[in-house]
Amino acid sequence: QVQLVESGGGLVQPGGSLRLSCAASGSIFDINFMGWYRQAPGKQRELVAGISSGGTTNYADSAKGRFTISKDNAKNMVYLQMNNLVPEDTAVYYCNLVRKVFGVSMTSWGQGTQVTVST
């Protein structure tokens, strides 16, 4: 079983920055992918940024150039640095982890952290 705990959300003005952190614990082996998703009110959950076990990153078009995902394997942490935030970034942000165990993908989610971009 995997536990994911997010932190770093909050209220920020447009143009500001936030750094989200996700701490993973438990059966954190055979990690295939870690990512950040977000869900705004009335909208579907969407992938914001992801990083593979090999370090390859991918971003939603809305995040490119503004957000950076990184990880610290030694600390079992994944981060999302968000710069130049806009009100459309307001959402609950979820940490996601995918493991491949005997060829079967197993997905875990954190409880989410609220990000609000507003004046």
PDB file of N, CA and C in Angstrom:
ATOM      1  N   GLN A   1       0.844  -1.187   0.000  1.00  0.00           N
ATOM      2  CA  GLN A   1       0.000   0.000   0.000  1.00  0.00           C
ATOM      3  C   GLN A   1       0.880   1.238   0.000  1.00  0.00           C
ATOM      4  N   VAL A   2       0.429   2.257  -0.705  1.00  0.00           N
ATOM      5  CA  VAL A   2       1.193   3.493  -0.841  1.00  0.00           C
ATOM      6  C   VAL A   2       0.404   4.641  -0.229  1.00  0.00           C
ATOM      7  N   GLN A   3       1.092   5.481   0.499  1.00  0.00           N
ATOM      8  CA  GLN A   3       0.496   6.704   1.025  1.00  0.00           C
ATOM      9  C   GLN A   3       1.185   7.903   0.391  1.00  0.00           C
ATOM     10  N   LEU A   4       0.369   8.849  -0.056  1.00  0.00           N
ATOM     11  CA  LEU A   4       0.874  10.076  -0.665  1.00  0.00           C
ATOM     12  C   LEU A   4       0.290  11.260   0.105  1.00  0.00           C
ATOM     13  N   VAL A   5       1.163  12.158   0.516  1.00  0.00           N
ATOM     14  CA  VAL A   5       0.715  13.319   1.280  1.00  0.00           C
ATOM     15  C   VAL A   5       1.223  14.576   0.583  1.00  0.00           C
ATOM     16  N   GLU A   6       0.288  15.409   0.133  1.00  0.00           N
ATOM     17  CA  GLU A   6       0.648  16.650  -0.540  1.00  0.00           C
ATOM     18  C   GLU A   6       0.715  17.792   0.458  1.00  0.00           C
ATOM     19  N   SER A   7       1.506  18.784   0.115  1.00  0.00           N
ATOM     20  CA  SER A   7       1.568  20.015   0.896  1.00  0.00           C
ATOM     21  C   SER A   7       2.009  21.146  -0.017  1.00  0.00           C
ATOM     22  N   GLY A   8       1.836  22.372   0.480  1.00  0.00           N
ATOM     23  CA  GLY A   8       2.327  23.527  -0.256  1.00  0.00           C
ATOM     24  C   GLY A   8       1.262  24.350  -0.964  1.00  0.00           C
ATOM     25  N   GLY A   9       0.024  23.890  -0.928  1.00  0.00           N
ATOM     26  CA  GLY A   9      -1.030  24.673  -1.548  1.00  0.00           C
ATOM     27  C   GLY A   9      -1.350  25.917  -0.733  1.00  0.00           C
ATOM     28  N   GLY A  10      -2.206  26.764  -1.309  1.00  0.00           N
ATOM     29  CA  GLY A  10      -2.586  27.969  -0.599  1.00  0.00           C
ATOM     30  C   GLY A  10      -3.163  29.007  -1.533  1.00  0.00           C
ATOM     31  N   LEU A  11      -3.273  30.204  -1.003  1.00  0.00           N
ATOM     32  CA  LEU A  11      -3.793  31.341  -1.762  1.00  0.00           C
ATOM     33  C   LEU A  11      -2.624  32.180  -2.248  1.00  0.00           C
ATOM     34  N   VAL A  12      -2.644  32.507  -3.526  1.00  0.00           N
ATOM     35  CA  VAL A  12      -1.565  33.305  -4.107  1.00  0.00           C
ATOM     36  C   VAL A  12      -2.170  34.266  -5.114  1.00  0.00           C
ATOM     37  N   GLN A  13      -1.549  35.401  -5.259  1.00  0.00           N
ATOM     38  CA  GLN A  13      -2.024  36.381  -6.231  1.00  0.00           C
ATOM     39  C   GLN A  13      -1.585  35.998  -7.648  1.00  0.00           C
ATOM     40  N   PRO A  14      -2.305  36.456  -8.640  1.00  0.00           N
ATOM     41  CA  PRO A  14      -1.869  36.206 -10.030  1.00  0.00           C
ATOM     42  C   PRO A  14      -0.444  36.681 -10.245  1.00  0.00           C
ATOM     43  N   GLY A  15       0.317  35.858 -10.950  1.00  0.00           N
ATOM     44  CA  GLY A  15       1.730  36.155 -11.154  1.00  0.00           C
ATOM     45  C   GLY A  15       2.642  35.572 -10.095  1.00  0.00           C
ATOM     46  N   GLY A  16       2.047  35.066  -9.038  1.00  0.00           N
ATOM     47  CA  GLY A  16       2.847  34.514  -7.956  1.00  0.00           C
ATOM     48  C   GLY A  16       3.286  33.089  -8.212  1.00  0.00           C
ATOM     49  N   SER A  17       3.952  32.525  -7.212  1.00  0.00           N
ATOM     50  CA  SER A  17       4.504  31.178  -7.325  1.00  0.00           C
ATOM     51  C   SER A  17       4.132  30.347  -6.112  1.00  0.00           C
ATOM     52  N   LEU A  18       4.061  29.046  -6.324  1.00  0.00           N
ATOM     53  CA  LEU A  18       3.879  28.076  -5.252  1.00  0.00           C
ATOM     54  C   LEU A  18       4.696  26.845  -5.598  1.00  0.00           C
ATOM     55  N   ARG A  19       5.110  26.145  -4.557  1.00  0.00           N
ATOM     56  CA  ARG A  19       5.804  24.872  -4.743  1.00  0.00           C
ATOM     57  C   ARG A  19       5.048  23.803  -3.992  1.00  0.00           C
ATOM     58  N   LEU A  20       4.516  22.854  -4.731  1.00  0.00           N
ATOM     59  CA  LEU A  20       3.816  21.731  -4.122  1.00  0.00           C
ATOM     60  C   LEU A  20       4.803  20.590  -3.871  1.00  0.00           C
ATOM     61  N   SER A  21       4.589  19.901  -2.776  1.00  0.00           N
ATOM     62  CA  SER A  21       5.412  18.744  -2.437  1.00  0.00           C
ATOM     63  C   SER A  21       4.517  17.541  -2.200  1.00  0.00           C
ATOM     64  N   CYS A  22       5.036  16.380  -2.532  1.00  0.00           N
ATOM     65  CA  CYS A  22       4.314  15.128  -2.292  1.00  0.00           C
ATOM     66  C   CYS A  22       5.288  14.132  -1.698  1.00  0.00           C
ATOM     67  N   ALA A  23       4.946  13.663  -0.515  1.00  0.00           N
ATOM     68  CA  ALA A  23       5.773  12.667   0.165  1.00  0.00           C
ATOM     69  C   ALA A  23       5.136  11.296   0.000  1.00  0.00           C
ATOM     70  N   ALA A  24       5.910  10.358  -0.507  1.00  0.00           N
ATOM     71  CA  ALA A  24       5.429   8.996  -0.711  1.00  0.00           C
ATOM     72  C   ALA A  24       6.001   8.080   0.355  1.00  0.00           C
ATOM     73  N   SER A  25       5.172   7.174   0.846  1.00  0.00           N
ATOM     74  CA  SER A  25       5.625   6.187   1.823  1.00  0.00           C
ATOM     75  C   SER A  25       4.858   4.900   1.605  1.00  0.00           C
ATOM     76  N   GLY A  26       5.340   3.845   2.249  1.00  0.00           N
ATOM     77  CA  GLY A  26       4.693   2.543   2.111  1.00  0.00           C
ATOM     78  C   GLY A  26       5.415   1.678   1.089  1.00  0.00           C
ATOM     79  N   SER A  27       4.662   0.983   0.296  1.00  0.00           N
ATOM     80  CA  SER A  27       5.223   0.040  -0.684  1.00  0.00           C
ATOM     81  C   SER A  27       5.655   0.783  -1.947  1.00  0.00           C
ATOM     82  N   ILE A  28       6.636   1.643  -1.791  1.00  0.00           N
ATOM     83  CA  ILE A  28       7.070   2.492  -2.901  1.00  0.00           C
ATOM     84  C   ILE A  28       8.233   1.841  -3.639  1.00  0.00           C
ATOM     85  N   PHE A  29       7.933   0.777  -4.313  1.00  0.00           N
ATOM     86  CA  PHE A  29       8.906   0.132  -5.164  1.00  0.00           C
ATOM     87  C   PHE A  29       8.280  -0.045  -6.539  1.00  0.00           C
ATOM     88  N   ASP A  30       9.130  -0.310  -7.512  1.00  0.00           N
ATOM     89  CA  ASP A  30       8.647  -0.497  -8.886  1.00  0.00           C
ATOM     90  C   ASP A  30       7.813   0.689  -9.357  1.00  0.00           C
ATOM     91  N   ILE A  31       8.241   1.906  -8.962  1.00  0.00           N
ATOM     92  CA  ILE A  31       7.519   3.102  -9.397  1.00  0.00           C
ATOM     93  C   ILE A  31       7.766   3.325 -10.877  1.00  0.00           C
ATOM     94  N   ASN A  32       6.706   3.497 -11.606  1.00  0.00           N
ATOM     95  CA  ASN A  32       6.781   3.693 -13.047  1.00  0.00           C
ATOM     96  C   ASN A  32       6.604   5.156 -13.424  1.00  0.00           C
ATOM     97  N   PHE A  33       5.792   5.837 -12.623  1.00  0.00           N
ATOM     98  CA  PHE A  33       5.416   7.212 -12.972  1.00  0.00           C
ATOM     99  C   PHE A  33       4.945   7.928 -11.725  1.00  0.00           C
ATOM    100  N   MET A  34       5.261   9.232 -11.661  1.00  0.00           N
ATOM    101  CA  MET A  34       4.669  10.088 -10.636  1.00  0.00           C
ATOM    102  C   MET A  34       4.202  11.357 -11.322  1.00  0.00           C
ATOM    103  N   GLY A  35       3.108  11.891 -10.851  1.00  0.00           N
ATOM    104  CA  GLY A  35       2.574  13.064 -11.524  1.00  0.00           C
ATOM    105  C   GLY A  35       1.715  13.919 -10.631  1.00  0.00           C
ATOM    106  N   TRP A  36       1.370  15.062 -11.163  1.00  0.00           N
ATOM    107  CA  TRP A  36       0.454  15.986 -10.515  1.00  0.00           C
ATOM    108  C   TRP A  36      -0.757  16.169 -11.428  1.00  0.00           C
ATOM    109  N   TYR A  37      -1.920  15.987 -10.852  1.00  0.00           N
ATOM    110  CA  TYR A  37      -3.184  16.237 -11.538  1.00  0.00           C
ATOM    111  C   TYR A  37      -3.886  17.379 -10.796  1.00  0.00           C
ATOM    112  N   ARG A  38      -4.847  17.949 -11.467  1.00  0.00           N
ATOM    113  CA  ARG A  38      -5.662  18.959 -10.797  1.00  0.00           C
ATOM    114  C   ARG A  38      -7.117  18.829 -11.237  1.00  0.00           C
ATOM    115  N   GLN A  39      -7.978  19.280 -10.352  1.00  0.00           N
ATOM    116  CA  GLN A  39      -9.402  19.248 -10.648  1.00  0.00           C
ATOM    117  C   GLN A  39     -10.031  20.540 -10.162  1.00  0.00           C
ATOM    118  N   ALA A  40     -10.560  21.297 -11.102  1.00  0.00           N
ATOM    119  CA  ALA A  40     -11.268  22.526 -10.778  1.00  0.00           C
ATOM    120  C   ALA A  40     -12.757  22.212 -10.619  1.00  0.00           C
ATOM    121  N   PRO A  41     -13.492  23.042  -9.920  1.00  0.00           N
ATOM    122  CA  PRO A  41     -14.932  22.795  -9.721  1.00  0.00           C
ATOM    123  C   PRO A  41     -15.653  22.640 -11.048  1.00  0.00           C
ATOM    124  N   GLY A  42     -16.421  21.569 -11.178  1.00  0.00           N
ATOM    125  CA  GLY A  42     -17.192  21.329 -12.374  1.00  0.00           C
ATOM    126  C   GLY A  42     -16.405  20.790 -13.548  1.00  0.00           C
ATOM    127  N   LYS A  43     -15.126  20.507 -13.329  1.00  0.00           N
ATOM    128  CA  LYS A  43     -14.294  20.012 -14.426  1.00  0.00           C
ATOM    129  C   LYS A  43     -13.712  18.650 -14.084  1.00  0.00           C
ATOM    130  N   GLN A  44     -13.263  17.965 -15.128  1.00  0.00           N
ATOM    131  CA  GLN A  44     -12.639  16.671 -14.921  1.00  0.00           C
ATOM    132  C   GLN A  44     -11.218  16.844 -14.407  1.00  0.00           C
ATOM    133  N   ARG A  45     -10.753  15.825 -13.723  1.00  0.00           N
ATOM    134  CA  ARG A  45      -9.361  15.830 -13.271  1.00  0.00           C
ATOM    135  C   ARG A  45      -8.461  15.715 -14.492  1.00  0.00           C
ATOM    136  N   GLU A  46      -7.395  16.520 -14.509  1.00  0.00           N
ATOM    137  CA  GLU A  46      -6.498  16.536 -15.667  1.00  0.00           C
ATOM    138  C   GLU A  46      -5.048  16.449 -15.220  1.00  0.00           C
ATOM    139  N   LEU A  47      -4.245  15.837 -16.058  1.00  0.00           N
ATOM    140  CA  LEU A  47      -2.811  15.746 -15.785  1.00  0.00           C
ATOM    141  C   LEU A  47      -2.173  17.108 -16.014  1.00  0.00           C
ATOM    142  N   VAL A  48      -1.407  17.555 -15.050  1.00  0.00           N
ATOM    143  CA  VAL A  48      -0.672  18.812 -15.162  1.00  0.00           C
ATOM    144  C   VAL A  48       0.769  18.545 -15.576  1.00  0.00           C
ATOM    145  N   ALA A  49       1.405  17.603 -14.874  1.00  0.00           N
ATOM    146  CA  ALA A  49       2.798  17.287 -15.154  1.00  0.00           C
ATOM    147  C   ALA A  49       3.093  15.893 -14.645  1.00  0.00           C
ATOM    148  N   GLY A  50       3.999  15.204 -15.338  1.00  0.00           N
ATOM    149  CA  GLY A  50       4.371  13.870 -14.927  1.00  0.00           C
ATOM    150  C   GLY A  50       5.851  13.639 -15.128  1.00  0.00           C
ATOM    151  N   ILE A  51       6.377  12.671 -14.384  1.00  0.00           N
ATOM    152  CA  ILE A  51       7.785  12.329 -14.510  1.00  0.00           C
ATOM    153  C   ILE A  51       7.916  10.817 -14.400  1.00  0.00           C
ATOM    154  N   SER A  52       8.635  10.241 -15.338  1.00  0.00           N
ATOM    155  CA  SER A  52       8.780   8.792 -15.355  1.00  0.00           C
ATOM    156  C   SER A  52       9.906   8.365 -14.424  1.00  0.00           C
ATOM    157  N   SER A  53      10.015   7.063 -14.240  1.00  0.00           N
ATOM    158  CA  SER A  53      11.089   6.541 -13.392  1.00  0.00           C
ATOM    159  C   SER A  53      12.454   6.915 -13.949  1.00  0.00           C
ATOM    160  N   GLY A  54      12.538   7.086 -15.248  1.00  0.00           N
ATOM    161  CA  GLY A  54      13.799   7.460 -15.873  1.00  0.00           C
ATOM    162  C   GLY A  54      14.056   8.950 -15.916  1.00  0.00           C
ATOM    163  N   GLY A  55      13.078   9.727 -15.432  1.00  0.00           N
ATOM    164  CA  GLY A  55      13.263  11.168 -15.368  1.00  0.00           C
ATOM    165  C   GLY A  55      12.662  11.943 -16.520  1.00  0.00           C
ATOM    166  N   THR A  56      12.022  11.248 -17.455  1.00  0.00           N
ATOM    167  CA  THR A  56      11.373  11.957 -18.555  1.00  0.00           C
ATOM    168  C   THR A  56      10.134  12.683 -18.046  1.00  0.00           C
ATOM    169  N   THR A  57      10.007  13.939 -18.431  1.00  0.00           N
ATOM    170  CA  THR A  57       8.883  14.751 -17.963  1.00  0.00           C
ATOM    171  C   THR A  57       7.919  15.063 -19.099  1.00  0.00           C
ATOM    172  N   ASN A  58       6.683  15.287 -18.729  1.00  0.00           N
ATOM    173  CA  ASN A  58       5.699  15.748 -19.697  1.00  0.00           C
ATOM    174  C   ASN A  58       4.755  16.709 -18.989  1.00  0.00           C
ATOM    175  N   TYR A  59       4.245  17.650 -19.759  1.00  0.00           N
ATOM    176  CA  TYR A  59       3.420  18.727 -19.204  1.00  0.00           C
ATOM    177  C   TYR A  59       2.183  18.953 -20.040  1.00  0.00           C
ATOM    178  N   ALA A  60       1.128  19.373 -19.375  1.00  0.00           N
ATOM    179  CA  ALA A  60      -0.029  19.874 -20.085  1.00  0.00           C
ATOM    180  C   ALA A  60       0.379  21.169 -20.790  1.00  0.00           C
ATOM    181  N   ASP A  61      -0.279  21.462 -21.898  1.00  0.00           N
ATOM    182  CA  ASP A  61       0.060  22.681 -22.632  1.00  0.00           C
ATOM    183  C   ASP A  61      -0.054  23.917 -21.740  1.00  0.00           C
ATOM    184  N   SER A  62      -1.031  23.903 -20.847  1.00  0.00           N
ATOM    185  CA  SER A  62      -1.254  25.060 -19.980  1.00  0.00           C
ATOM    186  C   SER A  62      -0.139  25.236 -18.957  1.00  0.00           C
ATOM    187  N   ALA A  63       0.633  24.185 -18.731  1.00  0.00           N
ATOM    188  CA  ALA A  63       1.694  24.224 -17.724  1.00  0.00           C
ATOM    189  C   ALA A  63       3.084  24.465 -18.323  1.00  0.00           C
ATOM    190  N   LYS A  64       3.216  24.243 -19.587  1.00  0.00           N
ATOM    191  CA  LYS A  64       4.534  24.359 -20.216  1.00  0.00           C
ATOM    192  C   LYS A  64       5.082  25.776 -20.079  1.00  0.00           C
ATOM    193  N   GLY A  65       6.335  25.851 -19.671  1.00  0.00           N
ATOM    194  CA  GLY A  65       6.983  27.143 -19.510  1.00  0.00           C
ATOM    195  C   GLY A  65       6.740  27.816 -18.180  1.00  0.00           C
ATOM    196  N   ARG A  66       5.775  27.309 -17.422  1.00  0.00           N
ATOM    197  CA  ARG A  66       5.459  27.902 -16.125  1.00  0.00           C
ATOM    198  C   ARG A  66       5.674  26.936 -14.958  1.00  0.00           C
ATOM    199  N   PHE A  67       5.417  25.666 -15.178  1.00  0.00           N
ATOM    200  CA  PHE A  67       5.510  24.668 -14.114  1.00  0.00           C
ATOM    201  C   PHE A  67       6.706  23.754 -14.374  1.00  0.00           C
ATOM    202  N   THR A  68       7.287  23.278 -13.291  1.00  0.00           N
ATOM    203  CA  THR A  68       8.394  22.326 -13.384  1.00  0.00           C
ATOM    204  C   THR A  68       8.175  21.213 -12.381  1.00  0.00           C
ATOM    205  N   ILE A  69       8.182  19.986 -12.864  1.00  0.00           N
ATOM    206  CA  ILE A  69       8.077  18.825 -11.979  1.00  0.00           C
ATOM    207  C   ILE A  69       9.467  18.258 -11.745  1.00  0.00           C
ATOM    208  N   SER A  70       9.714  17.837 -10.524  1.00  0.00           N
ATOM    209  CA  SER A  70      10.996  17.235 -10.198  1.00  0.00           C
ATOM    210  C   SER A  70      10.774  16.203  -9.104  1.00  0.00           C
ATOM    211  N   LYS A  71      11.780  15.365  -8.886  1.00  0.00           N
ATOM    212  CA  LYS A  71      11.661  14.359  -7.835  1.00  0.00           C
ATOM    213  C   LYS A  71      12.987  14.163  -7.148  1.00  0.00           C
ATOM    214  N   ASP A  72      12.889  13.661  -5.936  1.00  0.00           N
ATOM    215  CA  ASP A  72      14.061  13.306  -5.148  1.00  0.00           C
ATOM    216  C   ASP A  72      13.877  11.850  -4.753  1.00  0.00           C
ATOM    217  N   ASN A  73      14.531  10.956  -5.467  1.00  0.00           N
ATOM    218  CA  ASN A  73      14.339   9.527  -5.217  1.00  0.00           C
ATOM    219  C   ASN A  73      14.786   9.124  -3.813  1.00  0.00           C
ATOM    220  N   ALA A  74      15.820   9.763  -3.320  1.00  0.00           N
ATOM    221  CA  ALA A  74      16.342   9.415  -2.002  1.00  0.00           C
ATOM    222  C   ALA A  74      15.338   9.743  -0.897  1.00  0.00           C
ATOM    223  N   LYS A  75      14.566  10.806  -1.119  1.00  0.00           N
ATOM    224  CA  LYS A  75      13.596  11.237  -0.114  1.00  0.00           C
ATOM    225  C   LYS A  75      12.175  10.775  -0.448  1.00  0.00           C
ATOM    226  N   ASN A  76      12.014  10.119  -1.582  1.00  0.00           N
ATOM    227  CA  ASN A  76      10.690   9.686  -2.025  1.00  0.00           C
ATOM    228  C   ASN A  76       9.726  10.870  -2.114  1.00  0.00           C
ATOM    229  N   MET A  77      10.208  11.915  -2.745  1.00  0.00           N
ATOM    230  CA  MET A  77       9.427  13.131  -2.877  1.00  0.00           C
ATOM    231  C   MET A  77       9.280  13.498  -4.356  1.00  0.00           C
ATOM    232  N   VAL A  78       8.160  14.135  -4.667  1.00  0.00           N
ATOM    233  CA  VAL A  78       7.991  14.739  -5.979  1.00  0.00           C
ATOM    234  C   VAL A  78       7.473  16.147  -5.755  1.00  0.00           C
ATOM    235  N   TYR A  79       7.916  17.064  -6.592  1.00  0.00           N
ATOM    236  CA  TYR A  79       7.607  18.474  -6.412  1.00  0.00           C
ATOM    237  C   TYR A  79       6.995  19.048  -7.682  1.00  0.00           C
ATOM    238  N   LEU A  80       6.235  20.114  -7.491  1.00  0.00           N
ATOM    239  CA  LEU A  80       5.729  20.870  -8.622  1.00  0.00           C
ATOM    240  C   LEU A  80       5.956  22.346  -8.329  1.00  0.00           C
ATOM    241  N   GLN A  81       6.899  22.931  -9.036  1.00  0.00           N
ATOM    242  CA  GLN A  81       7.144  24.359  -8.927  1.00  0.00           C
ATOM    243  C   GLN A  81       6.244  25.064  -9.924  1.00  0.00           C
ATOM    244  N   MET A  82       5.412  25.954  -9.423  1.00  0.00           N
ATOM    245  CA  MET A  82       4.451  26.654 -10.269  1.00  0.00           C
ATOM    246  C   MET A  82       4.748  28.139 -10.224  1.00  0.00           C
ATOM    247  N   ASN A  83       5.061  28.704 -11.370  1.00  0.00           N
ATOM    248  CA  ASN A  83       5.368  30.126 -11.493  1.00  0.00           C
ATOM    249  C   ASN A  83       4.344  30.813 -12.377  1.00  0.00           C
ATOM    250  N   ASN A  84       4.295  32.131 -12.224  1.00  0.00           N
ATOM    251  CA  ASN A  84       3.400  32.938 -13.054  1.00  0.00           C
ATOM    252  C   ASN A  84       1.977  32.373 -13.037  1.00  0.00           C
ATOM    253  N   LEU A  85       1.483  32.129 -11.864  1.00  0.00           N
ATOM    254  CA  LEU A  85       0.158  31.529 -11.719  1.00  0.00           C
ATOM    255  C   LEU A  85      -0.938  32.477 -12.188  1.00  0.00           C
ATOM    256  N   VAL A  86      -1.968  31.876 -12.737  1.00  0.00           N
ATOM    257  CA  VAL A  86      -3.132  32.621 -13.216  1.00  0.00           C
ATOM    258  C   VAL A  86      -4.384  32.052 -12.552  1.00  0.00           C
ATOM    259  N   PRO A  87      -5.470  32.820 -12.538  1.00  0.00           N
ATOM    260  CA  PRO A  87      -6.684  32.319 -11.876  1.00  0.00           C
ATOM    261  C   PRO A  87      -7.157  30.969 -12.398  1.00  0.00           C
ATOM    262  N   GLU A  88      -6.886  30.684 -13.664  1.00  0.00           N
ATOM    263  CA  GLU A  88      -7.300  29.402 -14.236  1.00  0.00           C
ATOM    264  C   GLU A  88      -6.547  28.215 -13.635  1.00  0.00           C
ATOM    265  N   ASP A  89      -5.502  28.475 -12.890  1.00  0.00           N
ATOM    266  CA  ASP A  89      -4.766  27.401 -12.221  1.00  0.00           C
ATOM    267  C   ASP A  89      -5.432  26.997 -10.911  1.00  0.00           C
ATOM    268  N   THR A  90      -6.450  27.719 -10.519  1.00  0.00           N
ATOM    269  CA  THR A  90      -7.155  27.401  -9.278  1.00  0.00           C
ATOM    270  C   THR A  90      -7.800  26.025  -9.369  1.00  0.00           C
ATOM    271  N   ALA A  91      -7.462  25.172  -8.426  1.00  0.00           N
ATOM    272  CA  ALA A  91      -7.951  23.787  -8.440  1.00  0.00           C
ATOM    273  C   ALA A  91      -7.415  23.067  -7.216  1.00  0.00           C
ATOM    274  N   VAL A  92      -7.924  21.869  -7.012  1.00  0.00           N
ATOM    275  CA  VAL A  92      -7.312  20.959  -6.054  1.00  0.00           C
ATOM    276  C   VAL A  92      -6.269  20.153  -6.827  1.00  0.00           C
ATOM    277  N   TYR A  93      -5.066  20.132  -6.307  1.00  0.00           N
ATOM    278  CA  TYR A  93      -3.959  19.435  -6.964  1.00  0.00           C
ATOM    279  C   TYR A  93      -3.703  18.119  -6.238  1.00  0.00           C
ATOM    280  N   TYR A  94      -3.623  17.050  -7.030  1.00  0.00           N
ATOM    281  CA  TYR A  94      -3.451  15.716  -6.498  1.00  0.00           C
ATOM    282  C   TYR A  94      -2.125  15.110  -6.967  1.00  0.00           C
ATOM    283  N   CYS A  95      -1.465  14.472  -6.048  1.00  0.00           N
ATOM    284  CA  CYS A  95      -0.270  13.701  -6.363  1.00  0.00           C
ATOM    285  C   CYS A  95      -0.703  12.294  -6.797  1.00  0.00           C
ATOM    286  N   ASN A  96      -0.015  11.781  -7.780  1.00  0.00           N
ATOM    287  CA  ASN A  96      -0.352  10.474  -8.354  1.00  0.00           C
ATOM    288  C   ASN A  96       0.912   9.642  -8.486  1.00  0.00           C
ATOM    289  N   LEU A  97       0.784   8.363  -8.187  1.00  0.00           N
ATOM    290  CA  LEU A  97       1.921   7.448  -8.314  1.00  0.00           C
ATOM    291  C   LEU A  97       1.435   6.165  -8.969  1.00  0.00           C
ATOM    292  N   VAL A  98       2.187   5.698  -9.943  1.00  0.00           N
ATOM    293  CA  VAL A  98       1.837   4.452 -10.629  1.00  0.00           C
ATOM    294  C   VAL A  98       2.993   3.470 -10.482  1.00  0.00           C
ATOM    295  N   ARG A  99       2.666   2.301  -9.998  1.00  0.00           N
ATOM    296  CA  ARG A  99       3.643   1.234  -9.919  1.00  0.00           C
ATOM    297  C   ARG A  99       3.281   0.129 -10.908  1.00  0.00           C
ATOM    298  N   LYS A 100       4.285  -0.569 -11.379  1.00  0.00           N
ATOM    299  CA  LYS A 100       4.083  -1.740 -12.222  1.00  0.00           C
ATOM    300  C   LYS A 100       4.545  -2.946 -11.424  1.00  0.00           C
ATOM    301  N   VAL A 101       3.585  -3.720 -10.954  1.00  0.00           N
ATOM    302  CA  VAL A 101       3.895  -4.877 -10.140  1.00  0.00           C
ATOM    303  C   VAL A 101       3.463  -6.118 -10.911  1.00  0.00           C
ATOM    304  N   PHE A 102       4.436  -6.942 -11.291  1.00  0.00           N
ATOM    305  CA  PHE A 102       4.170  -8.138 -12.107  1.00  0.00           C
ATOM    306  C   PHE A 102       3.347  -7.773 -13.340  1.00  0.00           C
ATOM    307  N   GLY A 103       3.709  -6.620 -13.955  1.00  0.00           N
ATOM    308  CA  GLY A 103       3.052  -6.204 -15.174  1.00  0.00           C
ATOM    309  C   GLY A 103       1.713  -5.516 -14.984  1.00  0.00           C
ATOM    310  N   VAL A 104       1.261  -5.416 -13.761  1.00  0.00           N
ATOM    311  CA  VAL A 104      -0.035  -4.789 -13.484  1.00  0.00           C
ATOM    312  C   VAL A 104       0.197  -3.389 -12.935  1.00  0.00           C
ATOM    313  N   SER A 105      -0.471  -2.407 -13.537  1.00  0.00           N
ATOM    314  CA  SER A 105      -0.345  -1.031 -13.070  1.00  0.00           C
ATOM    315  C   SER A 105      -1.215  -0.811 -11.834  1.00  0.00           C
ATOM    316  N   MET A 106      -0.613  -0.221 -10.829  1.00  0.00           N
ATOM    317  CA  MET A 106      -1.328   0.076  -9.579  1.00  0.00           C
ATOM    318  C   MET A 106      -1.173   1.568  -9.322  1.00  0.00           C
ATOM    319  N   THR A 107      -2.294   2.251  -9.170  1.00  0.00           N
ATOM    320  CA  THR A 107      -2.307   3.706  -9.045  1.00  0.00           C
ATOM    321  C   THR A 107      -2.698   4.131  -7.640  1.00  0.00           C
ATOM    322  N   SER A 108      -1.999   5.120  -7.137  1.00  0.00           N
ATOM    323  CA  SER A 108      -2.307   5.690  -5.826  1.00  0.00           C
ATOM    324  C   SER A 108      -2.483   7.194  -5.969  1.00  0.00           C
ATOM    325  N   TRP A 109      -3.329   7.744  -5.097  1.00  0.00           N
ATOM    326  CA  TRP A 109      -3.607   9.174  -5.100  1.00  0.00           C
ATOM    327  C   TRP A 109      -3.436   9.759  -3.705  1.00  0.00           C
ATOM    328  N   GLY A 110      -3.010  11.008  -3.667  1.00  0.00           N
ATOM    329  CA  GLY A 110      -3.005  11.739  -2.417  1.00  0.00           C
ATOM    330  C   GLY A 110      -4.374  12.327  -2.153  1.00  0.00           C
ATOM    331  N   GLN A 111      -4.485  13.034  -1.021  1.00  0.00           N
ATOM    332  CA  GLN A 111      -5.777  13.578  -0.631  1.00  0.00           C
ATOM    333  C   GLN A 111      -6.065  14.926  -1.297  1.00  0.00           C
ATOM    334  N   GLY A 112      -5.054  15.517  -1.894  1.00  0.00           N
ATOM    335  CA  GLY A 112      -5.216  16.777  -2.601  1.00  0.00           C
ATOM    336  C   GLY A 112      -4.850  17.986  -1.763  1.00  0.00           C
ATOM    337  N   THR A 113      -4.409  19.022  -2.437  1.00  0.00           N
ATOM    338  CA  THR A 113      -4.113  20.290  -1.784  1.00  0.00           C
ATOM    339  C   THR A 113      -4.695  21.417  -2.642  1.00  0.00           C
ATOM    340  N   GLN A 114      -5.358  22.342  -1.982  1.00  0.00           N
ATOM    341  CA  GLN A 114      -6.053  23.410  -2.698  1.00  0.00           C
ATOM    342  C   GLN A 114      -5.079  24.510  -3.105  1.00  0.00           C
ATOM    343  N   VAL A 115      -5.163  24.901  -4.364  1.00  0.00           N
ATOM    344  CA  VAL A 115      -4.428  26.061  -4.871  1.00  0.00           C
ATOM    345  C   VAL A 115      -5.456  27.071  -5.369  1.00  0.00           C
ATOM    346  N   THR A 116      -5.386  28.262  -4.828  1.00  0.00           N
ATOM    347  CA  THR A 116      -6.300  29.330  -5.234  1.00  0.00           C
ATOM    348  C   THR A 116      -5.486  30.530  -5.691  1.00  0.00           C
ATOM    349  N   VAL A 117      -5.747  30.944  -6.917  1.00  0.00           N
ATOM    350  CA  VAL A 117      -5.049  32.103  -7.483  1.00  0.00           C
ATOM    351  C   VAL A 117      -6.073  33.226  -7.635  1.00  0.00           C
ATOM    352  N   SER A 118      -5.905  34.235  -6.812  1.00  0.00           N
ATOM    353  CA  SER A 118      -6.903  35.306  -6.781  1.00  0.00           C
ATOM    354  C   SER A 118      -6.325  36.550  -6.160  1.00  0.00           C
ATOM    355  N   THR A 119      -6.919  37.675  -6.530  1.00  0.00           N
ATOM    356  CA  THR A 119      -6.546  38.933  -5.887  1.00  0.00           C
ATOM    357  C   THR A 119      -7.363  39.120  -4.617  1.00  0.00           C
TER     358      THR A 119
END
